[in-house]
Amino acid sequence: MIVIIIANNYVLFPYLELFTDKAIMLELPEGLFTLLTIGVGGYVVSRSGEKIAQSLKKPPEVIKNQE
């Protein structure tokens, strides 16, 4: 449902508004917006943590003196 609301408000509505006055912009309930924000934020934090954990797991590379 959230995908339909976002697609309507940001893809369909602007184009329909150009041709007719009867286009309807759907409201995104505040609780649903909060859930979306927390979900995206949690995903970003978990992916960042995963990348950091992988980099800490690798042995450090030895810097060779090039002369």
N, C-alpha and C. Protein backbone atom coordinates (compact mmCIF):
# COMPACT_ATOMS: atom_id res chain seq x y z
N MET A 1 0.82 -1.19 0.00
CA MET A 1 0.00 0.00 0.00
C MET A 1 0.87 1.26 0.00
N ILE A 2 1.94 1.23 0.76
CA ILE A 2 2.79 2.42 0.83
C ILE A 2 3.42 2.71 -0.53
N VAL A 3 3.74 1.65 -1.28
CA VAL A 3 4.33 1.83 -2.61
C VAL A 3 3.32 2.52 -3.53
N ILE A 4 2.06 2.15 -3.43
CA ILE A 4 1.02 2.75 -4.26
C ILE A 4 0.87 4.24 -3.93
N ILE A 5 0.88 4.57 -2.65
CA ILE A 5 0.73 5.97 -2.24
C ILE A 5 1.91 6.80 -2.73
N ILE A 6 3.12 6.28 -2.57
CA ILE A 6 4.31 7.02 -3.01
C ILE A 6 4.33 7.16 -4.53
N ALA A 7 3.99 6.07 -5.25
CA ALA A 7 3.95 6.14 -6.71
C ALA A 7 2.90 7.15 -7.18
N ASN A 8 1.76 7.17 -6.52
CA ASN A 8 0.72 8.13 -6.89
C ASN A 8 1.17 9.56 -6.65
N ASN A 9 1.71 9.83 -5.47
CA ASN A 9 2.05 11.21 -5.10
C ASN A 9 3.23 11.78 -5.87
N TYR A 10 4.20 10.94 -6.22
CA TYR A 10 5.42 11.47 -6.82
C TYR A 10 5.61 11.13 -8.29
N VAL A 11 4.78 10.21 -8.83
CA VAL A 11 4.89 9.87 -10.25
C VAL A 11 3.62 10.24 -10.99
N LEU A 12 2.49 9.70 -10.57
CA LEU A 12 1.24 9.92 -11.29
C LEU A 12 0.65 11.32 -11.08
N PHE A 13 0.57 11.74 -9.82
CA PHE A 13 -0.10 13.00 -9.50
C PHE A 13 0.45 14.21 -10.26
N PRO A 14 1.77 14.42 -10.31
CA PRO A 14 2.27 15.60 -11.04
C PRO A 14 1.86 15.61 -12.51
N TYR A 15 1.85 14.44 -13.17
CA TYR A 15 1.47 14.39 -14.58
C TYR A 15 -0.04 14.56 -14.76
N LEU A 16 -0.82 13.92 -13.89
CA LEU A 16 -2.27 14.06 -14.00
C LEU A 16 -2.72 15.48 -13.71
N GLU A 17 -2.01 16.15 -12.82
CA GLU A 17 -2.36 17.53 -12.46
C GLU A 17 -2.16 18.48 -13.65
N LEU A 18 -1.26 18.15 -14.56
CA LEU A 18 -1.06 18.97 -15.75
C LEU A 18 -2.28 18.95 -16.67
N PHE A 19 -2.99 17.82 -16.70
CA PHE A 19 -4.08 17.64 -17.66
C PHE A 19 -5.47 17.79 -17.05
N THR A 20 -5.60 17.63 -15.76
CA THR A 20 -6.93 17.70 -15.14
C THR A 20 -6.84 18.26 -13.72
N ASP A 21 -7.95 18.82 -13.26
CA ASP A 21 -8.02 19.33 -11.89
C ASP A 21 -8.50 18.26 -10.92
N LYS A 22 -8.85 17.09 -11.43
CA LYS A 22 -9.46 16.06 -10.60
C LYS A 22 -8.46 15.03 -10.08
N ALA A 23 -7.17 15.30 -10.22
CA ALA A 23 -6.15 14.38 -9.70
C ALA A 23 -6.15 14.43 -8.18
N ILE A 24 -6.02 13.28 -7.57
CA ILE A 24 -6.08 13.19 -6.11
C ILE A 24 -4.70 12.82 -5.58
N MET A 25 -4.22 13.62 -4.63
CA MET A 25 -2.97 13.29 -3.94
C MET A 25 -3.34 12.55 -2.66
N LEU A 26 -2.83 11.34 -2.51
CA LEU A 26 -3.15 10.53 -1.34
C LEU A 26 -2.28 10.93 -0.16
N GLU A 27 -2.89 10.93 1.03
CA GLU A 27 -2.14 11.28 2.23
C GLU A 27 -1.41 10.06 2.76
N LEU A 28 -0.18 10.26 3.17
CA LEU A 28 0.60 9.21 3.80
C LEU A 28 0.42 9.38 5.30
N PRO A 29 -0.24 8.42 5.97
CA PRO A 29 -0.45 8.55 7.41
C PRO A 29 0.87 8.73 8.16
N GLU A 30 0.85 9.53 9.21
CA GLU A 30 2.07 9.86 9.94
C GLU A 30 2.74 8.62 10.52
N GLY A 31 1.95 7.69 11.03
CA GLY A 31 2.51 6.46 11.58
C GLY A 31 3.21 5.64 10.52
N LEU A 32 2.64 5.61 9.33
CA LEU A 32 3.24 4.86 8.23
C LEU A 32 4.53 5.53 7.77
N PHE A 33 4.55 6.85 7.76
CA PHE A 33 5.77 7.58 7.39
C PHE A 33 6.87 7.33 8.42
N THR A 34 6.51 7.30 9.70
CA THR A 34 7.47 7.01 10.76
C THR A 34 8.04 5.61 10.60
N LEU A 35 7.16 4.65 10.31
CA LEU A 35 7.60 3.27 10.09
C LEU A 35 8.55 3.17 8.91
N LEU A 36 8.25 3.88 7.84
CA LEU A 36 9.11 3.90 6.66
C LEU A 36 10.48 4.50 7.00
N THR A 37 10.49 5.59 7.75
CA THR A 37 11.73 6.24 8.14
C THR A 37 12.59 5.33 9.01
N ILE A 38 11.96 4.67 9.98
CA ILE A 38 12.69 3.76 10.86
C ILE A 38 13.22 2.57 10.07
N GLY A 39 12.41 2.05 9.16
CA GLY A 39 12.83 0.91 8.35
C GLY A 39 14.02 1.23 7.47
N VAL A 40 13.98 2.36 6.79
CA VAL A 40 15.10 2.76 5.92
C VAL A 40 16.33 3.07 6.76
N GLY A 41 16.14 3.75 7.87
CA GLY A 41 17.27 4.06 8.76
C GLY A 41 17.91 2.80 9.31
N GLY A 42 17.09 1.84 9.72
CA GLY A 42 17.61 0.57 10.22
C GLY A 42 18.38 -0.19 9.16
N TYR A 43 17.88 -0.15 7.93
CA TYR A 43 18.56 -0.83 6.83
C TYR A 43 19.93 -0.21 6.58
N VAL A 44 19.98 1.11 6.56
CA VAL A 44 21.25 1.81 6.31
C VAL A 44 22.25 1.51 7.42
N VAL A 45 21.81 1.54 8.67
CA VAL A 45 22.71 1.28 9.80
C VAL A 45 23.20 -0.16 9.76
N SER A 46 22.32 -1.11 9.45
CA SER A 46 22.74 -2.51 9.43
C SER A 46 23.71 -2.79 8.28
N ARG A 47 23.49 -2.19 7.12
CA ARG A 47 24.42 -2.38 6.00
C ARG A 47 25.77 -1.75 6.31
N SER A 48 25.76 -0.58 6.94
CA SER A 48 27.02 0.07 7.32
C SER A 48 27.77 -0.78 8.34
N GLY A 49 27.05 -1.31 9.32
CA GLY A 49 27.67 -2.18 10.32
C GLY A 49 28.25 -3.43 9.70
N GLU A 50 27.56 -3.97 8.71
CA GLU A 50 28.05 -5.16 8.02
C GLU A 50 29.36 -4.85 7.29
N LYS A 51 29.42 -3.72 6.62
CA LYS A 51 30.64 -3.33 5.89
C LYS A 51 31.80 -3.09 6.86
N ILE A 52 31.52 -2.45 7.98
CA ILE A 52 32.55 -2.18 8.98
C ILE A 52 33.06 -3.49 9.57
N ALA A 53 32.15 -4.41 9.88
CA ALA A 53 32.56 -5.70 10.44
C ALA A 53 33.43 -6.48 9.46
N GLN A 54 33.10 -6.43 8.19
CA GLN A 54 33.91 -7.12 7.18
C GLN A 54 35.31 -6.51 7.09
N SER A 55 35.38 -5.19 7.17
CA SER A 55 36.70 -4.55 7.07
C SER A 55 37.54 -4.80 8.32
N LEU A 56 36.91 -4.95 9.48
CA LEU A 56 37.65 -5.25 10.71
C LEU A 56 38.12 -6.70 10.74
N LYS A 57 37.39 -7.57 10.07
CA LYS A 57 37.71 -8.99 10.04
C LYS A 57 38.93 -9.29 9.17
N LYS A 58 39.17 -8.47 8.16
CA LYS A 58 40.30 -8.67 7.26
C LYS A 58 41.60 -8.32 7.97
N PRO A 59 42.67 -9.09 7.71
CA PRO A 59 43.96 -8.71 8.30
C PRO A 59 44.48 -7.44 7.64
N PRO A 60 45.16 -6.60 8.41
CA PRO A 60 45.68 -5.35 7.82
C PRO A 60 46.72 -5.65 6.75
N GLU A 61 46.69 -4.85 5.71
CA GLU A 61 47.65 -5.02 4.62
C GLU A 61 48.99 -4.43 5.03
N VAL A 62 50.04 -5.11 4.67
CA VAL A 62 51.39 -4.65 4.99
C VAL A 62 51.82 -3.67 3.90
N ILE A 63 52.29 -2.52 4.34
CA ILE A 63 52.74 -1.50 3.39
C ILE A 63 54.20 -1.80 3.06
N LYS A 64 54.46 -2.02 1.80
CA LYS A 64 55.82 -2.33 1.35
C LYS A 64 56.51 -1.04 0.94
N ASN A 65 57.75 -0.93 1.35
CA ASN A 65 58.55 0.24 0.95
C ASN A 65 59.00 0.04 -0.49
N GLN A 66 58.62 0.96 -1.31
CA GLN A 66 59.03 0.88 -2.72
C GLN A 66 60.16 1.86 -2.95
N GLU A 67 61.31 1.34 -3.22
CA GLU A 67 62.47 2.21 -3.44
C GLU A 67 63.05 2.00 -4.80
